[in-house]
N, C-alpha and C. Protein backbone atom coordinates (compact mmCIF):
# COMPACT_ATOMS: atom_id res chain seq x y z
N MET A 1 0.82 -1.19 0.00
CA MET A 1 0.00 0.00 0.00
C MET A 1 0.87 1.26 0.00
N LYS A 2 1.94 1.23 0.80
CA LYS A 2 2.83 2.38 0.87
C LYS A 2 3.52 2.60 -0.47
N LYS A 3 3.92 1.53 -1.14
CA LYS A 3 4.57 1.61 -2.44
C LYS A 3 3.64 2.23 -3.49
N THR A 4 2.38 1.82 -3.46
CA THR A 4 1.39 2.36 -4.40
C THR A 4 1.21 3.85 -4.20
N PHE A 5 1.13 4.28 -2.96
CA PHE A 5 1.00 5.71 -2.65
C PHE A 5 2.21 6.49 -3.16
N GLN A 6 3.40 5.94 -2.99
CA GLN A 6 4.62 6.60 -3.48
C GLN A 6 4.60 6.72 -5.00
N TYR A 7 4.12 5.69 -5.70
CA TYR A 7 4.01 5.75 -7.16
C TYR A 7 3.01 6.82 -7.60
N ILE A 8 1.92 6.91 -6.90
CA ILE A 8 0.90 7.92 -7.24
C ILE A 8 1.47 9.32 -7.04
N ILE A 9 2.19 9.53 -5.96
CA ILE A 9 2.80 10.84 -5.70
C ILE A 9 3.86 11.15 -6.76
N ALA A 10 4.66 10.17 -7.12
CA ALA A 10 5.70 10.37 -8.14
C ALA A 10 5.10 10.72 -9.50
N ILE A 11 4.03 10.03 -9.86
CA ILE A 11 3.36 10.32 -11.13
C ILE A 11 2.75 11.72 -11.10
N ALA A 12 2.16 12.11 -9.99
CA ALA A 12 1.58 13.45 -9.86
C ALA A 12 2.65 14.53 -9.99
N VAL A 13 3.80 14.30 -9.40
CA VAL A 13 4.90 15.27 -9.48
C VAL A 13 5.39 15.39 -10.93
N VAL A 14 5.50 14.29 -11.63
CA VAL A 14 5.93 14.31 -13.03
C VAL A 14 4.91 15.06 -13.89
N ILE A 15 3.64 14.78 -13.68
CA ILE A 15 2.60 15.47 -14.45
C ILE A 15 2.63 16.97 -14.18
N LEU A 16 2.78 17.38 -12.95
CA LEU A 16 2.87 18.80 -12.62
C LEU A 16 4.10 19.44 -13.24
N ALA A 17 5.23 18.76 -13.21
CA ALA A 17 6.45 19.30 -13.80
C ALA A 17 6.32 19.49 -15.31
N VAL A 18 5.76 18.51 -15.97
CA VAL A 18 5.57 18.61 -17.42
C VAL A 18 4.57 19.71 -17.75
N SER A 19 3.51 19.82 -16.99
CA SER A 19 2.51 20.86 -17.22
C SER A 19 3.08 22.26 -16.99
N ALA A 20 3.96 22.40 -16.01
CA ALA A 20 4.56 23.70 -15.73
C ALA A 20 5.61 24.07 -16.77
N ALA A 21 6.28 23.09 -17.35
CA ALA A 21 7.33 23.36 -18.33
C ALA A 21 6.79 23.60 -19.74
N ARG A 22 5.60 23.10 -20.03
CA ARG A 22 5.05 23.18 -21.38
C ARG A 22 4.97 24.60 -21.95
N PRO A 23 4.44 25.61 -21.25
CA PRO A 23 4.39 26.95 -21.84
C PRO A 23 5.78 27.51 -22.17
N TYR A 24 6.74 27.21 -21.35
CA TYR A 24 8.10 27.71 -21.59
C TYR A 24 8.77 26.95 -22.73
N TRP A 25 8.42 25.68 -22.87
CA TRP A 25 8.91 24.88 -24.00
C TRP A 25 8.36 25.46 -25.29
N TYR A 26 7.07 25.78 -25.33
CA TYR A 26 6.46 26.40 -26.51
C TYR A 26 7.09 27.76 -26.78
N GLN A 27 7.37 28.52 -25.73
CA GLN A 27 7.99 29.83 -25.90
C GLN A 27 9.36 29.70 -26.59
N TYR A 28 10.11 28.68 -26.22
CA TYR A 28 11.40 28.44 -26.84
C TYR A 28 11.24 28.16 -28.34
N TRP A 29 10.30 27.29 -28.70
CA TRP A 29 10.12 26.94 -30.11
C TRP A 29 9.50 28.07 -30.91
N ILE A 30 8.66 28.87 -30.30
CA ILE A 30 8.15 30.06 -30.97
C ILE A 30 9.30 31.01 -31.26
N GLY A 31 10.23 31.15 -30.32
CA GLY A 31 11.41 31.98 -30.52
C GLY A 31 12.25 31.49 -31.69
N LYS A 32 12.37 30.18 -31.84
CA LYS A 32 13.10 29.61 -32.98
C LYS A 32 12.43 29.98 -34.30
N GLU A 33 11.11 29.93 -34.34
CA GLU A 33 10.37 30.31 -35.55
C GLU A 33 10.56 31.80 -35.85
N LEU A 34 10.57 32.63 -34.80
CA LEU A 34 10.79 34.06 -35.00
C LEU A 34 12.21 34.34 -35.50
N ASP A 35 13.18 33.57 -35.03
CA ASP A 35 14.56 33.70 -35.54
C ASP A 35 14.62 33.47 -37.04
N VAL A 36 13.99 32.42 -37.49
CA VAL A 36 13.99 32.09 -38.92
C VAL A 36 13.31 33.21 -39.71
N ALA A 37 12.20 33.71 -39.21
CA ALA A 37 11.48 34.78 -39.90
C ALA A 37 12.29 36.08 -39.91
N ALA A 38 13.01 36.36 -38.83
CA ALA A 38 13.83 37.58 -38.78
C ALA A 38 14.96 37.51 -39.81
N ILE A 39 15.56 36.36 -39.94
CA ILE A 39 16.62 36.19 -40.95
C ILE A 39 16.01 36.33 -42.35
N TYR A 40 14.85 35.74 -42.57
CA TYR A 40 14.16 35.88 -43.85
C TYR A 40 13.85 37.35 -44.12
N GLY A 41 13.47 38.08 -43.08
CA GLY A 41 13.09 39.48 -43.23
C GLY A 41 14.23 40.41 -43.61
N THR A 42 15.47 40.00 -43.36
CA THR A 42 16.60 40.87 -43.73
C THR A 42 16.74 41.00 -45.24
N LYS A 43 16.24 40.04 -46.00
CA LYS A 43 16.34 40.07 -47.46
C LYS A 43 15.00 40.34 -48.14
N ASN A 44 13.91 40.43 -47.36
CA ASN A 44 12.57 40.60 -47.93
C ASN A 44 11.84 41.74 -47.24
N SER A 45 10.69 42.11 -47.80
CA SER A 45 9.91 43.21 -47.24
C SER A 45 9.19 42.78 -45.96
N ILE A 46 8.69 43.75 -45.24
CA ILE A 46 7.96 43.47 -44.00
C ILE A 46 6.69 42.67 -44.31
N HIS A 47 6.00 43.03 -45.38
CA HIS A 47 4.78 42.30 -45.75
C HIS A 47 5.08 40.84 -46.08
N ASP A 48 6.13 40.59 -46.85
CA ASP A 48 6.52 39.22 -47.18
C ASP A 48 6.94 38.45 -45.93
N THR A 49 7.65 39.13 -45.04
CA THR A 49 8.08 38.50 -43.79
C THR A 49 6.89 38.13 -42.92
N LEU A 50 5.90 39.01 -42.86
CA LEU A 50 4.70 38.73 -42.08
C LEU A 50 3.94 37.54 -42.65
N SER A 51 3.82 37.47 -43.96
CA SER A 51 3.15 36.33 -44.59
C SER A 51 3.93 35.04 -44.34
N PHE A 52 5.25 35.10 -44.47
CA PHE A 52 6.10 33.94 -44.23
C PHE A 52 5.95 33.46 -42.79
N LEU A 53 5.98 34.39 -41.84
CA LEU A 53 5.88 34.05 -40.43
C LEU A 53 4.52 33.46 -40.09
N THR A 54 3.46 34.04 -40.62
CA THR A 54 2.12 33.54 -40.36
C THR A 54 1.96 32.11 -40.89
N ASN A 55 2.45 31.87 -42.10
CA ASN A 55 2.38 30.52 -42.67
C ASN A 55 3.22 29.54 -41.86
N LYS A 56 4.39 29.97 -41.43
CA LYS A 56 5.28 29.11 -40.64
C LYS A 56 4.61 28.72 -39.31
N MET A 57 3.95 29.67 -38.67
CA MET A 57 3.27 29.40 -37.40
C MET A 57 2.10 28.45 -37.60
N LYS A 58 1.36 28.62 -38.68
CA LYS A 58 0.24 27.71 -38.94
C LYS A 58 0.74 26.30 -39.21
N GLU A 59 1.85 26.18 -39.97
CA GLU A 59 2.44 24.86 -40.23
C GLU A 59 2.89 24.18 -38.94
N SER A 60 3.39 24.99 -38.00
CA SER A 60 3.89 24.44 -36.73
C SER A 60 2.78 24.18 -35.72
N GLY A 61 1.55 24.63 -36.03
CA GLY A 61 0.42 24.35 -35.15
C GLY A 61 0.15 25.41 -34.10
N TYR A 62 0.77 26.59 -34.22
CA TYR A 62 0.52 27.67 -33.27
C TYR A 62 -0.64 28.52 -33.76
N ASP A 63 -1.42 29.03 -32.83
CA ASP A 63 -2.62 29.79 -33.16
C ASP A 63 -2.34 31.29 -33.10
N PHE A 64 -1.58 31.78 -34.08
CA PHE A 64 -1.29 33.21 -34.19
C PHE A 64 -1.80 33.70 -35.52
N ASN A 65 -2.21 34.97 -35.56
CA ASN A 65 -2.55 35.59 -36.84
C ASN A 65 -1.64 36.80 -37.06
N GLU A 66 -1.81 37.47 -38.18
CA GLU A 66 -0.90 38.57 -38.56
C GLU A 66 -0.91 39.72 -37.55
N ASP A 67 -2.03 39.93 -36.89
CA ASP A 67 -2.14 41.05 -35.95
C ASP A 67 -1.35 40.82 -34.66
N ASP A 68 -0.96 39.60 -34.38
CA ASP A 68 -0.24 39.28 -33.15
C ASP A 68 1.23 39.67 -33.20
N PHE A 69 1.78 39.82 -34.41
CA PHE A 69 3.22 40.07 -34.56
C PHE A 69 3.50 41.55 -34.78
N HIS A 70 4.61 41.99 -34.23
CA HIS A 70 5.09 43.35 -34.45
C HIS A 70 6.47 43.23 -35.11
N ILE A 71 6.58 43.74 -36.33
CA ILE A 71 7.82 43.62 -37.09
C ILE A 71 8.35 45.02 -37.39
N GLU A 72 9.62 45.22 -37.09
CA GLU A 72 10.30 46.48 -37.40
C GLU A 72 11.52 46.17 -38.24
N LYS A 73 11.78 47.06 -39.22
CA LYS A 73 12.95 46.91 -40.07
C LYS A 73 13.54 48.29 -40.28
N ASN A 74 14.83 48.44 -39.99
CA ASN A 74 15.45 49.75 -40.15
C ASN A 74 16.23 49.82 -41.46
N ALA A 75 16.87 50.95 -41.71
CA ALA A 75 17.58 51.17 -42.97
C ALA A 75 18.78 50.24 -43.14
N ASP A 76 19.33 49.74 -42.05
CA ASP A 76 20.47 48.82 -42.12
C ASP A 76 20.03 47.36 -42.26
N ASN A 77 18.75 47.14 -42.55
CA ASN A 77 18.17 45.80 -42.69
C ASN A 77 18.29 44.98 -41.41
N ARG A 78 18.12 45.64 -40.28
CA ARG A 78 18.01 44.93 -39.01
C ARG A 78 16.53 44.73 -38.73
N VAL A 79 16.13 43.48 -38.59
CA VAL A 79 14.72 43.14 -38.41
C VAL A 79 14.51 42.68 -36.97
N THR A 80 13.48 43.25 -36.35
CA THR A 80 13.09 42.84 -35.00
C THR A 80 11.64 42.40 -35.05
N ILE A 81 11.40 41.20 -34.55
CA ILE A 81 10.05 40.64 -34.53
C ILE A 81 9.70 40.31 -33.08
N SER A 82 8.52 40.73 -32.66
CA SER A 82 8.08 40.41 -31.31
C SER A 82 6.63 39.94 -31.33
N VAL A 83 6.31 39.13 -30.34
CA VAL A 83 4.95 38.65 -30.17
C VAL A 83 4.67 38.53 -28.68
N GLN A 84 3.48 38.94 -28.29
CA GLN A 84 3.03 38.78 -26.91
C GLN A 84 1.77 37.93 -26.93
N TYR A 85 1.69 37.00 -26.02
CA TYR A 85 0.56 36.08 -26.01
C TYR A 85 0.32 35.57 -24.60
N LYS A 86 -0.84 34.97 -24.42
CA LYS A 86 -1.20 34.39 -23.13
C LYS A 86 -1.15 32.87 -23.24
N ASP A 87 -0.69 32.25 -22.20
CA ASP A 87 -0.68 30.79 -22.09
C ASP A 87 -1.00 30.46 -20.65
N SER A 88 -1.21 29.22 -20.37
CA SER A 88 -1.55 28.84 -19.00
C SER A 88 -0.95 27.48 -18.66
N ILE A 89 -0.78 27.29 -17.38
CA ILE A 89 -0.35 25.99 -16.86
C ILE A 89 -1.63 25.24 -16.50
N ARG A 90 -1.84 24.10 -17.17
CA ARG A 90 -3.06 23.32 -16.98
C ARG A 90 -2.71 21.90 -16.58
N VAL A 91 -3.51 21.36 -15.69
CA VAL A 91 -3.40 19.96 -15.31
C VAL A 91 -4.80 19.37 -15.40
N PHE A 92 -4.97 18.40 -16.28
CA PHE A 92 -6.26 17.75 -16.50
C PHE A 92 -7.38 18.75 -16.78
N GLY A 93 -7.07 19.80 -17.56
CA GLY A 93 -8.07 20.79 -17.94
C GLY A 93 -8.31 21.88 -16.93
N VAL A 94 -7.68 21.81 -15.77
CA VAL A 94 -7.84 22.82 -14.74
C VAL A 94 -6.68 23.82 -14.86
N VAL A 95 -7.02 25.09 -15.00
CA VAL A 95 -6.00 26.14 -15.13
C VAL A 95 -5.43 26.46 -13.75
N LEU A 96 -4.13 26.24 -13.61
CA LEU A 96 -3.47 26.54 -12.34
C LEU A 96 -2.93 27.97 -12.31
N LYS A 97 -2.43 28.44 -13.47
CA LYS A 97 -1.86 29.79 -13.53
C LYS A 97 -1.92 30.30 -14.96
N GLU A 98 -2.32 31.56 -15.11
CA GLU A 98 -2.31 32.25 -16.39
C GLU A 98 -0.95 32.94 -16.55
N LEU A 99 -0.39 32.87 -17.74
CA LEU A 99 0.92 33.48 -18.00
C LEU A 99 0.81 34.46 -19.17
N ASN A 100 1.45 35.63 -19.02
CA ASN A 100 1.61 36.57 -20.12
C ASN A 100 3.05 36.44 -20.59
N LEU A 101 3.22 35.91 -21.80
CA LEU A 101 4.55 35.64 -22.31
C LEU A 101 4.84 36.53 -23.51
N SER A 102 6.10 36.83 -23.72
CA SER A 102 6.51 37.59 -24.89
C SER A 102 7.83 37.05 -25.40
N VAL A 103 7.98 37.12 -26.71
CA VAL A 103 9.21 36.67 -27.37
C VAL A 103 9.62 37.77 -28.33
N GLU A 104 10.90 38.12 -28.30
CA GLU A 104 11.42 39.12 -29.23
C GLU A 104 12.73 38.62 -29.79
N LYS A 105 12.84 38.62 -31.11
CA LYS A 105 14.04 38.17 -31.79
C LYS A 105 14.42 39.19 -32.84
N SER A 106 15.71 39.29 -33.11
CA SER A 106 16.16 40.20 -34.15
C SER A 106 17.31 39.58 -34.92
N ALA A 107 17.50 40.08 -36.14
CA ALA A 107 18.58 39.60 -37.00
C ALA A 107 19.03 40.76 -37.87
N SER A 108 20.31 40.74 -38.22
CA SER A 108 20.87 41.75 -39.11
C SER A 108 21.31 41.09 -40.40
N GLU A 109 21.23 41.87 -41.46
CA GLU A 109 21.67 41.37 -42.75
C GLU A 109 23.17 41.19 -42.74
N VAL A 110 23.63 40.07 -43.26
CA VAL A 110 25.06 39.81 -43.37
C VAL A 110 25.46 40.10 -44.81
N LYS A 111 26.37 41.02 -44.97
CA LYS A 111 26.85 41.36 -46.30
C LYS A 111 27.95 40.40 -46.70
N ASP A 112 28.08 40.17 -47.99
CA ASP A 112 29.18 39.32 -48.48
C ASP A 112 30.50 40.03 -48.23
N TYR A 113 31.53 39.26 -48.01
CA TYR A 113 32.85 39.84 -47.73
C TYR A 113 33.50 40.32 -48.98
């Protein structure tokens, strides 16, 4: 009986840990997608970059639309892309904590030597 209780507690701890790490794991992968789009944006227009990023997010299964992204490009072709979104820590459908997350990535154009 004691062993069974220990297994139940161990499983509960693992489930809580995975549930707490999930939003931050998604934040990391969203940042990777923004990196790719920022590099793409150094050679393309803001409109093309926004379309590329929106399609990339849909392919990856994230629920973002064009209005969620803020893209800036300066005269030196430095592109900065940011997104702010809400996520939550959930366990079995119960929301334990709401999170306001943001990701900002930038890239500069690399000129040939």
